[in-house]
Amino acid sequence: MKLKLVSDRMTPDIKKRAKRLEKLPKDAYGVFKDATPKRSGNAKSKTVLKGNKIDANYSYAQPLDKGRSKQAPEGMTKPTVDYIKRQLDSILRN
């Protein structure tokens, strides 16, 4: 028996999802940075994306992330993780 591929509908879909997944770290970084409280701007300016890792390189990052700021009572990680979960759900379901 011989099989002949008539139409490949999976490859374009996989490529589209892969592009969205590649973009996710940068988008999540934006969410994290937007959630970062701004008083002097130091925290936002010292938050950087290194590859797929968000680096909050300042001594008071943990207190801010635990909600010690009225500007970010949930911190920065929780909104970012919630965003990532929503995006992954959307990417994998659609």
C-alpha atoms as a PDB file:
ATOM      1  CA  MET A   1       0.000   0.000   0.000  1.00  0.00           C
ATOM      2  CA  LYS A   2       1.247   3.469  -0.874  1.00  0.00           C
ATOM      3  CA  LEU A   3       0.274   6.640   0.938  1.00  0.00           C
ATOM      4  CA  LYS A   4       0.370  10.050  -0.624  1.00  0.00           C
ATOM      5  CA  LEU A   5       0.304  13.272   1.384  1.00  0.00           C
ATOM      6  CA  VAL A   6      -2.380  15.415  -0.130  1.00  0.00           C
ATOM      7  CA  SER A   7      -2.477  18.243   2.369  1.00  0.00           C
ATOM      8  CA  ASP A   8      -0.374  19.168   5.385  1.00  0.00           C
ATOM      9  CA  ARG A   9      -2.467  21.295   7.704  1.00  0.00           C
ATOM     10  CA  MET A  10      -0.475  20.538  10.858  1.00  0.00           C
ATOM     11  CA  THR A  11       2.882  22.096   9.967  1.00  0.00           C
ATOM     12  CA  PRO A  12       1.585  25.668   9.494  1.00  0.00           C
ATOM     13  CA  ASP A  13      -0.345  25.400  12.768  1.00  0.00           C
ATOM     14  CA  ILE A  14       2.706  24.121  14.637  1.00  0.00           C
ATOM     15  CA  LYS A  15       4.873  26.908  13.209  1.00  0.00           C
ATOM     16  CA  LYS A  16       2.298  29.524  14.218  1.00  0.00           C
ATOM     17  CA  ARG A  17       2.181  28.177  17.776  1.00  0.00           C
ATOM     18  CA  ALA A  18       5.982  27.992  17.951  1.00  0.00           C
ATOM     19  CA  LYS A  19       6.234  31.683  16.987  1.00  0.00           C
ATOM     20  CA  ARG A  20       3.790  32.616  19.725  1.00  0.00           C
ATOM     21  CA  LEU A  21       5.744  30.522  22.244  1.00  0.00           C
ATOM     22  CA  GLU A  22       9.027  32.191  21.217  1.00  0.00           C
ATOM     23  CA  LYS A  23       7.464  35.594  21.842  1.00  0.00           C
ATOM     24  CA  LEU A  24       6.107  34.655  25.280  1.00  0.00           C
ATOM     25  CA  PRO A  25       9.229  35.424  27.409  1.00  0.00           C
ATOM     26  CA  LYS A  26       9.470  38.957  26.010  1.00  0.00           C
ATOM     27  CA  ASP A  27       5.757  39.551  26.544  1.00  0.00           C
ATOM     28  CA  ALA A  28       5.933  38.143  30.090  1.00  0.00           C
ATOM     29  CA  TYR A  29       8.889  40.446  30.778  1.00  0.00           C
ATOM     30  CA  GLY A  30       6.690  43.373  29.768  1.00  0.00           C
ATOM     31  CA  VAL A  31       3.977  42.254  32.185  1.00  0.00           C
ATOM     32  CA  PHE A  32       6.530  41.844  34.989  1.00  0.00           C
ATOM     33  CA  LYS A  33       8.031  45.256  34.322  1.00  0.00           C
ATOM     34  CA  ASP A  34       4.599  46.918  34.125  1.00  0.00           C
ATOM     35  CA  ALA A  35       3.714  45.381  37.501  1.00  0.00           C
ATOM     36  CA  THR A  36       6.976  46.640  39.048  1.00  0.00           C
ATOM     37  CA  PRO A  37       6.286  49.640  41.305  1.00  0.00           C
ATOM     38  CA  LYS A  38       7.844  52.929  40.273  1.00  0.00           C
ATOM     39  CA  ARG A  39       9.024  55.342  42.884  1.00  0.00           C
ATOM     40  CA  SER A  40      12.477  56.339  41.731  1.00  0.00           C
ATOM     41  CA  GLY A  41      12.530  54.118  38.630  1.00  0.00           C
ATOM     42  CA  ASN A  42      15.454  52.070  39.959  1.00  0.00           C
ATOM     43  CA  ALA A  43      13.525  48.783  40.151  1.00  0.00           C
ATOM     44  CA  LYS A  44      12.211  49.073  36.599  1.00  0.00           C
ATOM     45  CA  SER A  45      15.565  50.114  35.196  1.00  0.00           C
ATOM     46  CA  LYS A  46      17.347  47.213  36.898  1.00  0.00           C
ATOM     47  CA  THR A  47      14.839  44.609  35.736  1.00  0.00           C
ATOM     48  CA  VAL A  48      16.148  42.974  32.565  1.00  0.00           C
ATOM     49  CA  LEU A  49      15.399  39.992  30.366  1.00  0.00           C
ATOM     50  CA  LYS A  50      18.332  37.605  30.019  1.00  0.00           C
ATOM     51  CA  GLY A  51      17.415  34.966  27.481  1.00  0.00           C
ATOM     52  CA  ASN A  52      14.176  33.526  28.849  1.00  0.00           C
ATOM     53  CA  LYS A  53      14.840  34.676  32.420  1.00  0.00           C
ATOM     54  CA  ILE A  54      13.627  37.866  34.077  1.00  0.00           C
ATOM     55  CA  ASP A  55      16.365  39.255  36.310  1.00  0.00           C
ATOM     56  CA  ALA A  56      15.272  41.710  39.005  1.00  0.00           C
ATOM     57  CA  ASN A  57      18.768  42.753  40.040  1.00  0.00           C
ATOM     58  CA  TYR A  58      18.224  44.991  43.072  1.00  0.00           C
ATOM     59  CA  SER A  59      18.307  44.300  46.797  1.00  0.00           C
ATOM     60  CA  TYR A  60      14.632  44.962  47.515  1.00  0.00           C
ATOM     61  CA  ALA A  61      13.172  42.810  44.711  1.00  0.00           C
ATOM     62  CA  GLN A  62      11.860  40.149  47.100  1.00  0.00           C
ATOM     63  CA  PRO A  63      10.037  42.570  49.420  1.00  0.00           C
ATOM     64  CA  LEU A  64       8.422  44.236  46.397  1.00  0.00           C
ATOM     65  CA  ASP A  65       7.437  40.851  45.001  1.00  0.00           C
ATOM     66  CA  LYS A  66       5.842  39.934  48.328  1.00  0.00           C
ATOM     67  CA  GLY A  67       3.543  42.949  48.033  1.00  0.00           C
ATOM     68  CA  ARG A  68       5.300  45.497  50.211  1.00  0.00           C
ATOM     69  CA  SER A  69       4.332  48.256  47.814  1.00  0.00           C
ATOM     70  CA  LYS A  70       0.877  49.783  47.571  1.00  0.00           C
ATOM     71  CA  GLN A  71       1.501  50.082  43.827  1.00  0.00           C
ATOM     72  CA  ALA A  72       1.926  46.310  43.480  1.00  0.00           C
ATOM     73  CA  PRO A  73       0.097  44.549  46.321  1.00  0.00           C
ATOM     74  CA  GLU A  74       0.310  41.212  44.445  1.00  0.00           C
ATOM     75  CA  GLY A  75       3.975  41.706  43.639  1.00  0.00           C
ATOM     76  CA  MET A  76       5.279  41.163  40.127  1.00  0.00           C
ATOM     77  CA  THR A  77       5.593  37.395  39.839  1.00  0.00           C
ATOM     78  CA  LYS A  78       1.940  36.468  40.417  1.00  0.00           C
ATOM     79  CA  PRO A  79       0.523  38.689  37.644  1.00  0.00           C
ATOM     80  CA  THR A  80       3.295  37.503  35.333  1.00  0.00           C
ATOM     81  CA  VAL A  81       2.668  33.815  36.046  1.00  0.00           C
ATOM     82  CA  ASP A  82      -1.085  34.362  35.602  1.00  0.00           C
ATOM     83  CA  TYR A  83      -0.390  36.006  32.236  1.00  0.00           C
ATOM     84  CA  ILE A  84       1.882  33.139  31.145  1.00  0.00           C
ATOM     85  CA  LYS A  85      -0.756  30.556  32.125  1.00  0.00           C
ATOM     86  CA  ARG A  86      -3.451  32.382  30.126  1.00  0.00           C
ATOM     87  CA  GLN A  87      -1.177  32.693  27.115  1.00  0.00           C
ATOM     88  CA  LEU A  88      -0.100  29.045  27.215  1.00  0.00           C
ATOM     89  CA  ASP A  89      -3.729  27.981  27.491  1.00  0.00           C
ATOM     90  CA  SER A  90      -4.606  30.128  24.483  1.00  0.00           C
ATOM     91  CA  ILE A  91      -1.638  28.946  22.417  1.00  0.00           C
ATOM     92  CA  LEU A  92      -2.171  25.267  23.134  1.00  0.00           C
ATOM     93  CA  ARG A  93      -5.966  25.295  22.715  1.00  0.00           C
ATOM     94  CA  ASN A  94      -6.258  27.376  19.559  1.00  0.00           C
END
